[in-house]
C-alpha atoms as a PDB file:
ATOM      1  CA  MET A   1     -45.792 -14.563-101.289  1.00  0.00           C
ATOM      2  CA  THR A   2     -46.168 -16.741 -98.080  1.00  0.00           C
ATOM      3  CA  LYS A   3     -46.308 -15.278 -95.165  1.00  0.00           C
ATOM      4  CA  GLU A   4     -42.878 -17.022 -94.693  1.00  0.00           C
ATOM      5  CA  LYS A   5     -40.634 -15.361 -96.633  1.00  0.00           C
ATOM      6  CA  PHE A   6     -41.657 -11.960 -95.103  1.00  0.00           C
ATOM      7  CA  GLN A   7     -40.845 -12.963 -92.783  1.00  0.00           C
ATOM      8  CA  GLY A   8     -37.407 -13.642 -94.043  1.00  0.00           C
ATOM      9  CA  PHE A   9     -37.229 -10.783 -95.130  1.00  0.00           C
ATOM     10  CA  VAL A  10     -38.327  -8.738 -92.325  1.00  0.00           C
ATOM     11  CA  MET A  11     -35.453  -9.989 -90.681  1.00  0.00           C
ATOM     12  CA  ILE A  12     -32.794  -9.054 -93.037  1.00  0.00           C
ATOM     13  CA  SER A  13     -34.231  -6.030 -92.940  1.00  0.00           C
ATOM     14  CA  ALA A  14     -34.041  -5.992 -89.062  1.00  0.00           C
ATOM     15  CA  LEU A  15     -30.285  -6.768 -89.844  1.00  0.00           C
ATOM     16  CA  LEU A  16     -29.617  -4.046 -91.757  1.00  0.00           C
ATOM     17  CA  VAL A  17     -30.964  -1.768 -89.617  1.00  0.00           C
ATOM     18  CA  LEU A  18     -28.944  -3.291 -86.784  1.00  0.00           C
ATOM     19  CA  LEU A  19     -25.896  -2.805 -89.279  1.00  0.00           C
ATOM     20  CA  GLY A  20     -26.423   0.709 -89.619  1.00  0.00           C
ATOM     21  CA  ILE A  21     -26.865   1.439 -86.125  1.00  0.00           C
ATOM     22  CA  ILE A  22     -23.555   0.273 -85.568  1.00  0.00           C
ATOM     23  CA  LEU A  23     -21.901   2.219 -88.080  1.00  0.00           C
ATOM     24  CA  ILE A  24     -23.432   5.451 -87.524  1.00  0.00           C
ATOM     25  CA  ALA A  25     -22.186   4.435 -83.227  1.00  0.00           C
ATOM     26  CA  PHE A  26     -18.872   3.030 -84.401  1.00  0.00           C
ATOM     27  CA  SER A  27     -17.658   5.224 -87.139  1.00  0.00           C
ATOM     28  CA  VAL A  28     -15.346   7.498 -85.307  1.00  0.00           C
ATOM     29  CA  LYS A  29     -13.606   3.891 -84.215  1.00  0.00           C
ATOM     30  CA  PHE A  30     -13.721   2.637 -87.470  1.00  0.00           C
ATOM     31  CA  GLY A  31     -12.717   5.730 -89.478  1.00  0.00           C
ATOM     32  CA  THR A  32      -9.496   6.610 -86.987  1.00  0.00           C
ATOM     33  CA  SER A  33      -8.653   2.734 -87.132  1.00  0.00           C
ATOM     34  CA  ASN A  34      -8.635   2.379 -91.569  1.00  0.00           C
ATOM     35  CA  ALA A  35      -6.838   6.009 -90.732  1.00  0.00           C
ATOM     36  CA  ASP A  36      -4.179   4.698 -88.263  1.00  0.00           C
ATOM     37  CA  ALA A  37      -3.703   1.923 -91.173  1.00  0.00           C
ATOM     38  CA  TRP A  38      -4.059   4.415 -93.661  1.00  0.00           C
ATOM     39  CA  LEU A  39      -0.622   6.182 -92.225  1.00  0.00           C
ATOM     40  CA  ALA A  40       1.488   3.181 -91.062  1.00  0.00           C
ATOM     41  CA  SER A  41       1.111   1.870 -94.615  1.00  0.00           C
ATOM     42  CA  ARG A  42       2.098   5.309 -96.000  1.00  0.00           C
ATOM     43  CA  GLY A  43       4.915   5.774 -93.444  1.00  0.00           C
ATOM     44  CA  GLY A  44       3.698   8.742 -92.339  1.00  0.00           C
ATOM     45  CA  ALA A  45       1.795  12.325 -93.522  1.00  0.00           C
ATOM     46  CA  ASP A  46       1.621  16.178 -92.667  1.00  0.00           C
ATOM     47  CA  THR A  47      -1.248  16.391 -89.986  1.00  0.00           C
ATOM     48  CA  ALA A  48      -3.670  18.344 -91.734  1.00  0.00           C
ATOM     49  CA  TYR A  49      -3.831  15.928 -94.493  1.00  0.00           C
ATOM     50  CA  TYR A  50      -3.969  12.982 -91.769  1.00  0.00           C
ATOM     51  CA  HIS A  51      -7.440  14.913 -90.451  1.00  0.00           C
ATOM     52  CA  LEU A  52      -8.365  14.876 -93.779  1.00  0.00           C
ATOM     53  CA  ILE A  53      -8.075  11.426 -94.151  1.00  0.00           C
ATOM     54  CA  VAL A  54     -10.003  10.689 -90.926  1.00  0.00           C
ATOM     55  CA  LYS A  55     -12.509  12.789 -91.708  1.00  0.00           C
ATOM     56  CA  SER A  56     -13.035  11.322 -95.235  1.00  0.00           C
ATOM     57  CA  TYR A  57     -13.230   7.745 -92.740  1.00  0.00           C
ATOM     58  CA  ILE A  58     -15.575   8.581 -90.489  1.00  0.00           C
ATOM     59  CA  ASN A  59     -17.983  10.552 -92.952  1.00  0.00           C
ATOM     60  CA  ASN A  60     -17.918   7.358 -94.877  1.00  0.00           C
ATOM     61  CA  TYR A  61     -18.941   5.227 -92.424  1.00  0.00           C
ATOM     62  CA  LEU A  62     -21.430   7.765 -91.303  1.00  0.00           C
ATOM     63  CA  VAL A  63     -22.976   7.722 -94.765  1.00  0.00           C
ATOM     64  CA  SER A  64     -23.263   4.018 -95.139  1.00  0.00           C
ATOM     65  CA  GLY A  65     -24.422   3.359 -91.997  1.00  0.00           C
ATOM     66  CA  SER A  66     -27.402   6.368 -92.820  1.00  0.00           C
ATOM     67  CA  ILE A  67     -28.162   4.218 -96.008  1.00  0.00           C
ATOM     68  CA  MET A  68     -28.359   1.031 -94.681  1.00  0.00           C
ATOM     69  CA  LEU A  69     -30.227   2.182 -91.634  1.00  0.00           C
ATOM     70  CA  GLY A  70     -33.254   4.363 -93.875  1.00  0.00           C
ATOM     71  CA  PHE A  71     -33.066   1.190 -96.148  1.00  0.00           C
ATOM     72  CA  GLY A  72     -34.050  -1.512 -93.529  1.00  0.00           C
ATOM     73  CA  LEU A  73     -36.558   0.667 -91.770  1.00  0.00           C
ATOM     74  CA  VAL A  74     -38.295   1.463 -94.453  1.00  0.00           C
ATOM     75  CA  SER A  75     -38.306  -2.255 -96.385  1.00  0.00           C
ATOM     76  CA  SER A  76     -39.068  -3.394 -92.505  1.00  0.00           C
ATOM     77  CA  THR A  77     -41.761  -1.259 -92.828  1.00  0.00           C
ATOM     78  CA  PHE A  78     -43.016  -1.964 -95.660  1.00  0.00           C
ATOM     79  CA  LEU A  79     -43.017  -5.593 -94.903  1.00  0.00           C
ATOM     80  CA  TYR A  80     -44.849  -5.286 -91.908  1.00  0.00           C
ATOM     81  CA  TYR A  81     -47.704  -3.343 -93.274  1.00  0.00           C
ATOM     82  CA  LYS A  82     -47.780  -6.786 -96.537  1.00  0.00           C
ATOM     83  CA  MET A  83     -47.715  -9.328 -93.430  1.00  0.00           C
ATOM     84  CA  VAL A  84     -50.484  -7.460 -92.077  1.00  0.00           C
ATOM     85  CA  THR A  85     -52.470  -7.068 -94.565  1.00  0.00           C
ATOM     86  CA  ILE A  86     -51.401 -10.763 -95.992  1.00  0.00           C
ATOM     87  CA  GLU A  87     -53.594 -12.100 -93.048  1.00  0.00           C
ATOM     88  CA  LYS A  88     -57.304 -10.891 -93.929  1.00  0.00           C
END
């Protein structure tokens, strides 16, 4: 592979890191918004059940963001290492 291809992969990895950070940082806002949409489509629900749905949506965003952040960090570190060693 050429250095330009590695740079493209590093950029994709950096975008994954950024997206993961955004999902983690705004997981409460996104989760609450999805739970509100779920409640509106259903027409109402018990308070405890709604709380469970909110918590589930928030956890979904946290897990998704963590996976993207971890994968992006690992891949960008590996690709950066390969770019440095390919120059020699």
